[in-house]
Amino acid sequence: MDIEQVLKAMTPEIYERLCYAVETGKWPDGTSLNQAQRDQALQAVMLYQSRHNSQPQHMTVAKGGNVTWKSKAELKREFAGQDAQRIDIETKH
């Protein structure tokens, strides 16, 4: 299977499972990854991000393959906006 076929077959759910595996070193069922599996999962995550990540977070691969870095000030503004939205939603309930 070539890279294009892998990316076409990769759903957002598979991407999330791979992210979890890369971050924790374990599959969601608790099974540990060996180093080769972790390396391959990281490559798949980065490839997926390079095609689909239109809102990159701090230090991620953005759509188009560009590595994106956000400044501390940008992150603070984002988090402040998310907190304001969360508080607004909570007060409506």
PDB file of N, CA and C in Angstrom:
ATOM      1  N   MET A   1       0.852  -1.172   0.000  1.00  0.00           N
ATOM      2  CA  MET A   1       0.000   0.000   0.000  1.00  0.00           C
ATOM      3  C   MET A   1       0.901   1.239   0.000  1.00  0.00           C
ATOM      4  N   ASP A   2       0.637   2.169  -0.901  1.00  0.00           N
ATOM      5  CA  ASP A   2       1.456   3.375  -0.950  1.00  0.00           C
ATOM      6  C   ASP A   2       0.883   4.457  -0.018  1.00  0.00           C
ATOM      7  N   ILE A   3       1.603   5.535   0.121  1.00  0.00           N
ATOM      8  CA  ILE A   3       1.240   6.606   1.049  1.00  0.00           C
ATOM      9  C   ILE A   3      -0.133   7.185   0.724  1.00  0.00           C
ATOM     10  N   GLU A   4      -0.403   7.398  -0.550  1.00  0.00           N
ATOM     11  CA  GLU A   4      -1.692   7.970  -0.948  1.00  0.00           C
ATOM     12  C   GLU A   4      -2.855   7.067  -0.533  1.00  0.00           C
ATOM     13  N   GLN A   5      -2.687   5.761  -0.692  1.00  0.00           N
ATOM     14  CA  GLN A   5      -3.736   4.820  -0.298  1.00  0.00           C
ATOM     15  C   GLN A   5      -3.931   4.833   1.218  1.00  0.00           C
ATOM     16  N   VAL A   6      -2.832   4.916   1.945  1.00  0.00           N
ATOM     17  CA  VAL A   6      -2.914   4.974   3.407  1.00  0.00           C
ATOM     18  C   VAL A   6      -3.677   6.215   3.839  1.00  0.00           C
ATOM     19  N   LEU A   7      -3.339   7.360   3.257  1.00  0.00           N
ATOM     20  CA  LEU A   7      -3.993   8.611   3.628  1.00  0.00           C
ATOM     21  C   LEU A   7      -5.477   8.621   3.247  1.00  0.00           C
ATOM     22  N   LYS A   8      -5.816   8.024   2.118  1.00  0.00           N
ATOM     23  CA  LYS A   8      -7.224   7.953   1.717  1.00  0.00           C
ATOM     24  C   LYS A   8      -8.019   7.055   2.657  1.00  0.00           C
ATOM     25  N   ALA A   9      -7.378   6.011   3.169  1.00  0.00           N
ATOM     26  CA  ALA A   9      -8.056   5.065   4.051  1.00  0.00           C
ATOM     27  C   ALA A   9      -8.114   5.548   5.499  1.00  0.00           C
ATOM     28  N   MET A  10      -7.303   6.544   5.852  1.00  0.00           N
ATOM     29  CA  MET A  10      -7.215   6.990   7.241  1.00  0.00           C
ATOM     30  C   MET A  10      -8.381   7.923   7.586  1.00  0.00           C
ATOM     31  N   THR A  11      -9.196   7.484   8.517  1.00  0.00           N
ATOM     32  CA  THR A  11     -10.327   8.286   8.984  1.00  0.00           C
ATOM     33  C   THR A  11      -9.876   9.168  10.144  1.00  0.00           C
ATOM     34  N   PRO A  12     -10.664  10.165  10.513  1.00  0.00           N
ATOM     35  CA  PRO A  12     -10.320  10.968  11.695  1.00  0.00           C
ATOM     36  C   PRO A  12     -10.194  10.112  12.961  1.00  0.00           C
ATOM     37  N   GLU A  13     -10.995   9.055  13.064  1.00  0.00           N
ATOM     38  CA  GLU A  13     -10.918   8.165  14.224  1.00  0.00           C
ATOM     39  C   GLU A  13      -9.578   7.425  14.269  1.00  0.00           C
ATOM     40  N   ILE A  14      -9.126   6.961  13.112  1.00  0.00           N
ATOM     41  CA  ILE A  14      -7.822   6.290  13.044  1.00  0.00           C
ATOM     42  C   ILE A  14      -6.720   7.279  13.392  1.00  0.00           C
ATOM     43  N   TYR A  15      -6.822   8.495  12.870  1.00  0.00           N
ATOM     44  CA  TYR A  15      -5.849   9.541  13.184  1.00  0.00           C
ATOM     45  C   TYR A  15      -5.780   9.768  14.698  1.00  0.00           C
ATOM     46  N   GLU A  16      -6.928   9.858  15.360  1.00  0.00           N
ATOM     47  CA  GLU A  16      -6.951  10.070  16.813  1.00  0.00           C
ATOM     48  C   GLU A  16      -6.291   8.908  17.561  1.00  0.00           C
ATOM     49  N   ARG A  17      -6.540   7.691  17.111  1.00  0.00           N
ATOM     50  CA  ARG A  17      -5.921   6.513  17.740  1.00  0.00           C
ATOM     51  C   ARG A  17      -4.396   6.551  17.575  1.00  0.00           C
ATOM     52  N   LEU A  18      -3.949   6.951  16.382  1.00  0.00           N
ATOM     53  CA  LEU A  18      -2.508   7.056  16.135  1.00  0.00           C
ATOM     54  C   LEU A  18      -1.888   8.158  16.987  1.00  0.00           C
ATOM     55  N   CYS A  19      -2.579   9.295  17.116  1.00  0.00           N
ATOM     56  CA  CYS A  19      -2.081  10.377  17.980  1.00  0.00           C
ATOM     57  C   CYS A  19      -1.933   9.886  19.409  1.00  0.00           C
ATOM     58  N   TYR A  20      -2.949   9.193  19.897  1.00  0.00           N
ATOM     59  CA  TYR A  20      -2.898   8.654  21.257  1.00  0.00           C
ATOM     60  C   TYR A  20      -1.705   7.708  21.408  1.00  0.00           C
ATOM     61  N   ALA A  21      -1.509   6.853  20.435  1.00  0.00           N
ATOM     62  CA  ALA A  21      -0.413   5.887  20.489  1.00  0.00           C
ATOM     63  C   ALA A  21       0.945   6.581  20.500  1.00  0.00           C
ATOM     64  N   VAL A  22       1.095   7.597  19.667  1.00  0.00           N
ATOM     65  CA  VAL A  22       2.364   8.331  19.609  1.00  0.00           C
ATOM     66  C   VAL A  22       2.618   9.061  20.924  1.00  0.00           C
ATOM     67  N   GLU A  23       1.576   9.697  21.475  1.00  0.00           N
ATOM     68  CA  GLU A  23       1.717  10.480  22.704  1.00  0.00           C
ATOM     69  C   GLU A  23       1.993   9.618  23.927  1.00  0.00           C
ATOM     70  N   THR A  24       1.356   8.451  24.004  1.00  0.00           N
ATOM     71  CA  THR A  24       1.454   7.634  25.217  1.00  0.00           C
ATOM     72  C   THR A  24       2.379   6.428  25.088  1.00  0.00           C
ATOM     73  N   GLY A  25       2.662   6.020  23.850  1.00  0.00           N
ATOM     74  CA  GLY A  25       3.456   4.806  23.649  1.00  0.00           C
ATOM     75  C   GLY A  25       2.630   3.544  23.761  1.00  0.00           C
ATOM     76  N   LYS A  26       1.299   3.720  23.826  1.00  0.00           N
ATOM     77  CA  LYS A  26       0.390   2.578  23.943  1.00  0.00           C
ATOM     78  C   LYS A  26      -0.799   2.778  23.024  1.00  0.00           C
ATOM     79  N   TRP A  27      -1.349   1.656  22.557  1.00  0.00           N
ATOM     80  CA  TRP A  27      -2.602   1.701  21.812  1.00  0.00           C
ATOM     81  C   TRP A  27      -3.719   1.958  22.808  1.00  0.00           C
ATOM     82  N   PRO A  28      -4.879   2.407  22.339  1.00  0.00           N
ATOM     83  CA  PRO A  28      -5.984   2.662  23.272  1.00  0.00           C
ATOM     84  C   PRO A  28      -6.366   1.465  24.144  1.00  0.00           C
ATOM     85  N   ASP A  29      -6.076   0.234  23.698  1.00  0.00           N
ATOM     86  CA  ASP A  29      -6.380  -0.944  24.524  1.00  0.00           C
ATOM     87  C   ASP A  29      -5.310  -1.235  25.568  1.00  0.00           C
ATOM     88  N   GLY A  30      -4.241  -0.406  25.611  1.00  0.00           N
ATOM     89  CA  GLY A  30      -3.192  -0.559  26.618  1.00  0.00           C
ATOM     90  C   GLY A  30      -1.957  -1.306  26.154  1.00  0.00           C
ATOM     91  N   THR A  31      -1.994  -1.895  24.970  1.00  0.00           N
ATOM     92  CA  THR A  31      -0.845  -2.617  24.426  1.00  0.00           C
ATOM     93  C   THR A  31       0.260  -1.629  24.062  1.00  0.00           C
ATOM     94  N   SER A  32       1.485  -1.927  24.487  1.00  0.00           N
ATOM     95  CA  SER A  32       2.612  -1.042  24.200  1.00  0.00           C
ATOM     96  C   SER A  32       3.048  -1.137  22.745  1.00  0.00           C
ATOM     97  N   LEU A  33       3.519  -0.013  22.213  1.00  0.00           N
ATOM     98  CA  LEU A  33       4.089   0.020  20.870  1.00  0.00           C
ATOM     99  C   LEU A  33       5.585  -0.235  20.971  1.00  0.00           C
ATOM    100  N   ASN A  34       6.147  -0.946  19.996  1.00  0.00           N
ATOM    101  CA  ASN A  34       7.607  -1.019  19.938  1.00  0.00           C
ATOM    102  C   ASN A  34       8.088   0.236  19.209  1.00  0.00           C
ATOM    103  N   GLN A  35       9.384   0.450  19.169  1.00  0.00           N
ATOM    104  CA  GLN A  35       9.913   1.682  18.588  1.00  0.00           C
ATOM    105  C   GLN A  35       9.560   1.823  17.111  1.00  0.00           C
ATOM    106  N   ALA A  36       9.592   0.731  16.364  1.00  0.00           N
ATOM    107  CA  ALA A  36       9.257   0.793  14.940  1.00  0.00           C
ATOM    108  C   ALA A  36       7.797   1.202  14.747  1.00  0.00           C
ATOM    109  N   GLN A  37       6.892   0.654  15.563  1.00  0.00           N
ATOM    110  CA  GLN A  37       5.480   1.016  15.475  1.00  0.00           C
ATOM    111  C   GLN A  37       5.274   2.492  15.816  1.00  0.00           C
ATOM    112  N   ARG A  38       5.972   2.941  16.835  1.00  0.00           N
ATOM    113  CA  ARG A  38       5.831   4.347  17.235  1.00  0.00           C
ATOM    114  C   ARG A  38       6.336   5.279  16.130  1.00  0.00           C
ATOM    115  N   ASP A  39       7.459   4.927  15.529  1.00  0.00           N
ATOM    116  CA  ASP A  39       8.014   5.725  14.435  1.00  0.00           C
ATOM    117  C   ASP A  39       7.041   5.782  13.256  1.00  0.00           C
ATOM    118  N   GLN A  40       6.471   4.627  12.903  1.00  0.00           N
ATOM    119  CA  GLN A  40       5.536   4.576  11.777  1.00  0.00           C
ATOM    120  C   GLN A  40       4.248   5.332  12.089  1.00  0.00           C
ATOM    121  N   ALA A  41       3.767   5.226  13.319  1.00  0.00           N
ATOM    122  CA  ALA A  41       2.560   5.951  13.715  1.00  0.00           C
ATOM    123  C   ALA A  41       2.806   7.457  13.658  1.00  0.00           C
ATOM    124  N   LEU A  42       3.986   7.900  14.100  1.00  0.00           N
ATOM    125  CA  LEU A  42       4.323   9.322  14.054  1.00  0.00           C
ATOM    126  C   LEU A  42       4.365   9.818  12.612  1.00  0.00           C
ATOM    127  N   GLN A  43       4.951   9.033  11.731  1.00  0.00           N
ATOM    128  CA  GLN A  43       4.987   9.415  10.315  1.00  0.00           C
ATOM    129  C   GLN A  43       3.577   9.533   9.742  1.00  0.00           C
ATOM    130  N   ALA A  44       2.712   8.597  10.095  1.00  0.00           N
ATOM    131  CA  ALA A  44       1.337   8.630   9.598  1.00  0.00           C
ATOM    132  C   ALA A  44       0.596   9.852  10.133  1.00  0.00           C
ATOM    133  N   VAL A  45       0.809  10.185  11.411  1.00  0.00           N
ATOM    134  CA  VAL A  45       0.179  11.361  12.009  1.00  0.00           C
ATOM    135  C   VAL A  45       0.635  12.628  11.288  1.00  0.00           C
ATOM    136  N   MET A  46       1.915  12.741  11.050  1.00  0.00           N
ATOM    137  CA  MET A  46       2.446  13.930  10.386  1.00  0.00           C
ATOM    138  C   MET A  46       1.938  14.039   8.951  1.00  0.00           C
ATOM    139  N   LEU A  47       1.854  12.929   8.249  1.00  0.00           N
ATOM    140  CA  LEU A  47       1.322  12.943   6.882  1.00  0.00           C
ATOM    141  C   LEU A  47      -0.148  13.346   6.872  1.00  0.00           C
ATOM    142  N   TYR A  48      -0.909  12.797   7.803  1.00  0.00           N
ATOM    143  CA  TYR A  48      -2.330  13.136   7.887  1.00  0.00           C
ATOM    144  C   TYR A  48      -2.492  14.627   8.182  1.00  0.00           C
ATOM    145  N   GLN A  49      -1.705  15.130   9.137  1.00  0.00           N
ATOM    146  CA  GLN A  49      -1.775  16.548   9.471  1.00  0.00           C
ATOM    147  C   GLN A  49      -1.412  17.418   8.273  1.00  0.00           C
ATOM    148  N   SER A  50      -0.441  16.987   7.503  1.00  0.00           N
ATOM    149  CA  SER A  50      -0.010  17.797   6.365  1.00  0.00           C
ATOM    150  C   SER A  50      -1.096  17.915   5.304  1.00  0.00           C
ATOM    151  N   ARG A  51      -2.064  17.012   5.321  1.00  0.00           N
ATOM    152  CA  ARG A  51      -3.160  17.052   4.345  1.00  0.00           C
ATOM    153  C   ARG A  51      -4.443  17.652   4.914  1.00  0.00           C
ATOM    154  N   HIS A  52      -4.659  17.520   6.232  1.00  0.00           N
ATOM    155  CA  HIS A  52      -5.975  17.843   6.789  1.00  0.00           C
ATOM    156  C   HIS A  52      -5.972  18.862   7.928  1.00  0.00           C
ATOM    157  N   ASN A  53      -4.843  19.263   8.414  1.00  0.00           N
ATOM    158  CA  ASN A  53      -4.796  20.121   9.605  1.00  0.00           C
ATOM    159  C   ASN A  53      -4.894  21.592   9.212  1.00  0.00           C
ATOM    160  N   SER A  54      -6.127  22.088   9.092  1.00  0.00           N
ATOM    161  CA  SER A  54      -6.320  23.478   8.684  1.00  0.00           C
ATOM    162  C   SER A  54      -6.286  24.445   9.861  1.00  0.00           C
ATOM    163  N   GLN A  55      -6.297  23.940  11.099  1.00  0.00           N
ATOM    164  CA  GLN A  55      -6.189  24.775  12.293  1.00  0.00           C
ATOM    165  C   GLN A  55      -5.104  24.205  13.206  1.00  0.00           C
ATOM    166  N   PRO A  56      -3.854  24.359  12.812  1.00  0.00           N
ATOM    167  CA  PRO A  56      -2.777  23.758  13.584  1.00  0.00           C
ATOM    168  C   PRO A  56      -2.640  24.364  14.976  1.00  0.00           C
ATOM    169  N   GLN A  57      -2.251  23.523  15.926  1.00  0.00           N
ATOM    170  CA  GLN A  57      -1.984  23.975  17.278  1.00  0.00           C
ATOM    171  C   GLN A  57      -0.505  24.287  17.399  1.00  0.00           C
ATOM    172  N   HIS A  58      -0.075  24.655  18.590  1.00  0.00           N
ATOM    173  CA  HIS A  58       1.330  24.966  18.829  1.00  0.00           C
ATOM    174  C   HIS A  58       2.192  23.773  18.438  1.00  0.00           C
ATOM    175  N   MET A  59       3.172  23.989  17.579  1.00  0.00           N
ATOM    176  CA  MET A  59       4.125  22.984  17.122  1.00  0.00           C
ATOM    177  C   MET A  59       3.463  21.782  16.464  1.00  0.00           C
ATOM    178  N   THR A  60       2.752  21.986  15.373  1.00  0.00           N
ATOM    179  CA  THR A  60       2.181  20.888  14.616  1.00  0.00           C
ATOM    180  C   THR A  60       2.489  21.077  13.141  1.00  0.00           C
ATOM    181  N   VAL A  61       2.149  20.080  12.379  1.00  0.00           N
ATOM    182  CA  VAL A  61       2.297  20.166  10.940  1.00  0.00           C
ATOM    183  C   VAL A  61       0.975  20.675  10.384  1.00  0.00           C
ATOM    184  N   ALA A  62       1.013  21.808   9.710  1.00  0.00           N
ATOM    185  CA  ALA A  62      -0.201  22.412   9.160  1.00  0.00           C
ATOM    186  C   ALA A  62      -0.520  21.803   7.808  1.00  0.00           C
ATOM    187  N   LYS A  63      -1.708  22.079   7.340  1.00  0.00           N
ATOM    188  CA  LYS A  63      -2.123  21.635   6.023  1.00  0.00           C
ATOM    189  C   LYS A  63      -1.119  22.159   5.003  1.00  0.00           C
ATOM    190  N   GLY A  64      -0.682  21.320   4.090  1.00  0.00           N
ATOM    191  CA  GLY A  64       0.329  21.698   3.115  1.00  0.00           C
ATOM    192  C   GLY A  64       1.723  21.265   3.529  1.00  0.00           C
ATOM    193  N   GLY A  65       1.872  20.748   4.747  1.00  0.00           N
ATOM    194  CA  GLY A  65       3.160  20.230   5.196  1.00  0.00           C
ATOM    195  C   GLY A  65       4.045  21.215   5.925  1.00  0.00           C
ATOM    196  N   ASN A  66       3.553  22.436   6.175  1.00  0.00           N
ATOM    197  CA  ASN A  66       4.365  23.422   6.882  1.00  0.00           C
ATOM    198  C   ASN A  66       4.288  23.213   8.387  1.00  0.00           C
ATOM    199  N   VAL A  67       5.440  23.242   9.052  1.00  0.00           N
ATOM    200  CA  VAL A  67       5.463  23.157  10.506  1.00  0.00           C
ATOM    201  C   VAL A  67       5.044  24.514  11.042  1.00  0.00           C
ATOM    202  N   THR A  68       4.063  24.504  11.940  1.00  0.00           N
ATOM    203  CA  THR A  68       3.513  25.734  12.481  1.00  0.00           C
ATOM    204  C   THR A  68       3.887  25.863  13.955  1.00  0.00           C
ATOM    205  N   TRP A  69       4.354  27.039  14.330  1.00  0.00           N
ATOM    206  CA  TRP A  69       4.684  27.367  15.709  1.00  0.00           C
ATOM    207  C   TRP A  69       3.862  28.584  16.094  1.00  0.00           C
ATOM    208  N   LYS A  70       3.210  28.518  17.216  1.00  0.00           N
ATOM    209  CA  LYS A  70       2.464  29.669  17.698  1.00  0.00           C
ATOM    210  C   LYS A  70       3.209  30.268  18.888  1.00  0.00           C
ATOM    211  N   SER A  71       3.192  31.584  18.942  1.00  0.00           N
ATOM    212  CA  SER A  71       3.853  32.278  20.044  1.00  0.00           C
ATOM    213  C   SER A  71       3.036  32.103  21.322  1.00  0.00           C
ATOM    214  N   LYS A  72       3.649  32.413  22.427  1.00  0.00           N
ATOM    215  CA  LYS A  72       2.971  32.336  23.713  1.00  0.00           C
ATOM    216  C   LYS A  72       1.765  33.276  23.728  1.00  0.00           C
ATOM    217  N   ALA A  73       1.921  34.456  23.156  1.00  0.00           N
ATOM    218  CA  ALA A  73       0.831  35.428  23.113  1.00  0.00           C
ATOM    219  C   ALA A  73      -0.345  34.896  22.294  1.00  0.00           C
ATOM    220  N   GLU A  74      -0.055  34.253  21.160  1.00  0.00           N
ATOM    221  CA  GLU A  74      -1.124  33.680  20.332  1.00  0.00           C
ATOM    222  C   GLU A  74      -1.871  32.588  21.090  1.00  0.00           C
ATOM    223  N   LEU A  75      -1.128  31.737  21.781  1.00  0.00           N
ATOM    224  CA  LEU A  75      -1.762  30.672  22.550  1.00  0.00           C
ATOM    225  C   LEU A  75      -2.627  31.237  23.668  1.00  0.00           C
ATOM    226  N   LYS A  76      -2.140  32.284  24.346  1.00  0.00           N
ATOM    227  CA  LYS A  76      -2.923  32.903  25.421  1.00  0.00           C
ATOM    228  C   LYS A  76      -4.225  33.471  24.875  1.00  0.00           C
ATOM    229  N   ARG A  77      -4.158  34.136  23.715  1.00  0.00           N
ATOM    230  CA  ARG A  77      -5.373  34.682  23.107  1.00  0.00           C
ATOM    231  C   ARG A  77      -6.351  33.567  22.753  1.00  0.00           C
ATOM    232  N   GLU A  78      -5.832  32.480  22.202  1.00  0.00           N
ATOM    233  CA  GLU A  78      -6.686  31.346  21.850  1.00  0.00           C
ATOM    234  C   GLU A  78      -7.361  30.761  23.075  1.00  0.00           C
ATOM    235  N   PHE A  79      -6.562  30.531  24.130  1.00  0.00           N
ATOM    236  CA  PHE A  79      -7.111  29.945  25.354  1.00  0.00           C
ATOM    237  C   PHE A  79      -8.099  30.889  26.015  1.00  0.00           C
ATOM    238  N   ALA A  80      -7.820  32.180  25.997  1.00  0.00           N
ATOM    239  CA  ALA A  80      -8.748  33.156  26.577  1.00  0.00           C
ATOM    240  C   ALA A  80     -10.074  33.119  25.824  1.00  0.00           C
ATOM    241  N   GLY A  81     -10.015  33.011  24.512  1.00  0.00           N
ATOM    242  CA  GLY A  81     -11.228  32.919  23.708  1.00  0.00           C
ATOM    243  C   GLY A  81     -12.000  31.645  23.980  1.00  0.00           C
ATOM    244  N   GLN A  82     -11.293  30.537  24.154  1.00  0.00           N
ATOM    245  CA  GLN A  82     -11.948  29.263  24.441  1.00  0.00           C
ATOM    246  C   GLN A  82     -12.595  29.303  25.813  1.00  0.00           C
ATOM    247  N   ASP A  83     -11.904  29.903  26.796  1.00  0.00           N
ATOM    248  CA  ASP A  83     -12.465  30.021  28.142  1.00  0.00           C
ATOM    249  C   ASP A  83     -13.728  30.869  28.127  1.00  0.00           C
ATOM    250  N   ALA A  84     -13.707  31.970  27.375  1.00  0.00           N
ATOM    251  CA  ALA A  84     -14.871  32.841  27.283  1.00  0.00           C
ATOM    252  C   ALA A  84     -16.043  32.095  26.645  1.00  0.00           C
ATOM    253  N   GLN A  85     -15.769  31.306  25.608  1.00  0.00           N
ATOM    254  CA  GLN A  85     -16.822  30.530  24.958  1.00  0.00           C
ATOM    255  C   GLN A  85     -17.375  29.484  25.916  1.00  0.00           C
ATOM    256  N   ARG A  86     -16.481  28.817  26.658  1.00  0.00           N
ATOM    257  CA  ARG A  86     -16.906  27.791  27.605  1.00  0.00           C
ATOM    258  C   ARG A  86     -17.786  28.391  28.681  1.00  0.00           C
ATOM    259  N   ILE A  87     -17.393  29.526  29.222  1.00  0.00           N
ATOM    260  CA  ILE A  87     -18.160  30.189  30.276  1.00  0.00           C
ATOM    261  C   ILE A  87     -19.519  30.616  29.724  1.00  0.00           C
ATOM    262  N   ASP A  88     -19.548  31.138  28.506  1.00  0.00           N
ATOM    263  CA  ASP A  88     -20.799  31.551  27.884  1.00  0.00           C
ATOM    264  C   ASP A  88     -21.740  30.364  27.729  1.00  0.00           C
ATOM    265  N   ILE A  89     -21.194  29.233  27.293  1.00  0.00           N
ATOM    266  CA  ILE A  89     -22.011  28.030  27.114  1.00  0.00           C
ATOM    267  C   ILE A  89     -22.522  27.534  28.459  1.00  0.00           C
ATOM    268  N   GLU A  90     -21.655  27.541  29.483  1.00  0.00           N
ATOM    269  CA  GLU A  90     -22.053  27.054  30.812  1.00  0.00           C
ATOM    270  C   GLU A  90     -23.135  27.924  31.430  1.00  0.00           C
ATOM    271  N   THR A  91     -23.090  29.224  31.217  1.00  0.00           N
ATOM    272  CA  THR A  91     -24.087  30.113  31.809  1.00  0.00           C
ATOM    273  C   THR A  91     -25.434  30.006  31.116  1.00  0.00           C
ATOM    274  N   LYS A  92     -25.443  29.525  29.888  1.00  0.00           N
ATOM    275  CA  LYS A  92     -26.707  29.352  29.170  1.00  0.00           C
ATOM    276  C   LYS A  92     -27.470  28.107  29.639  1.00  0.00           C
ATOM    277  N   HIS A  93     -26.758  27.183  30.291  1.00  0.00           N
ATOM    278  CA  HIS A  93     -27.412  25.929  30.715  1.00  0.00           C
ATOM    279  C   HIS A  93     -27.933  26.050  32.085  1.00  0.00           C
TER     280      HIS A  93
END
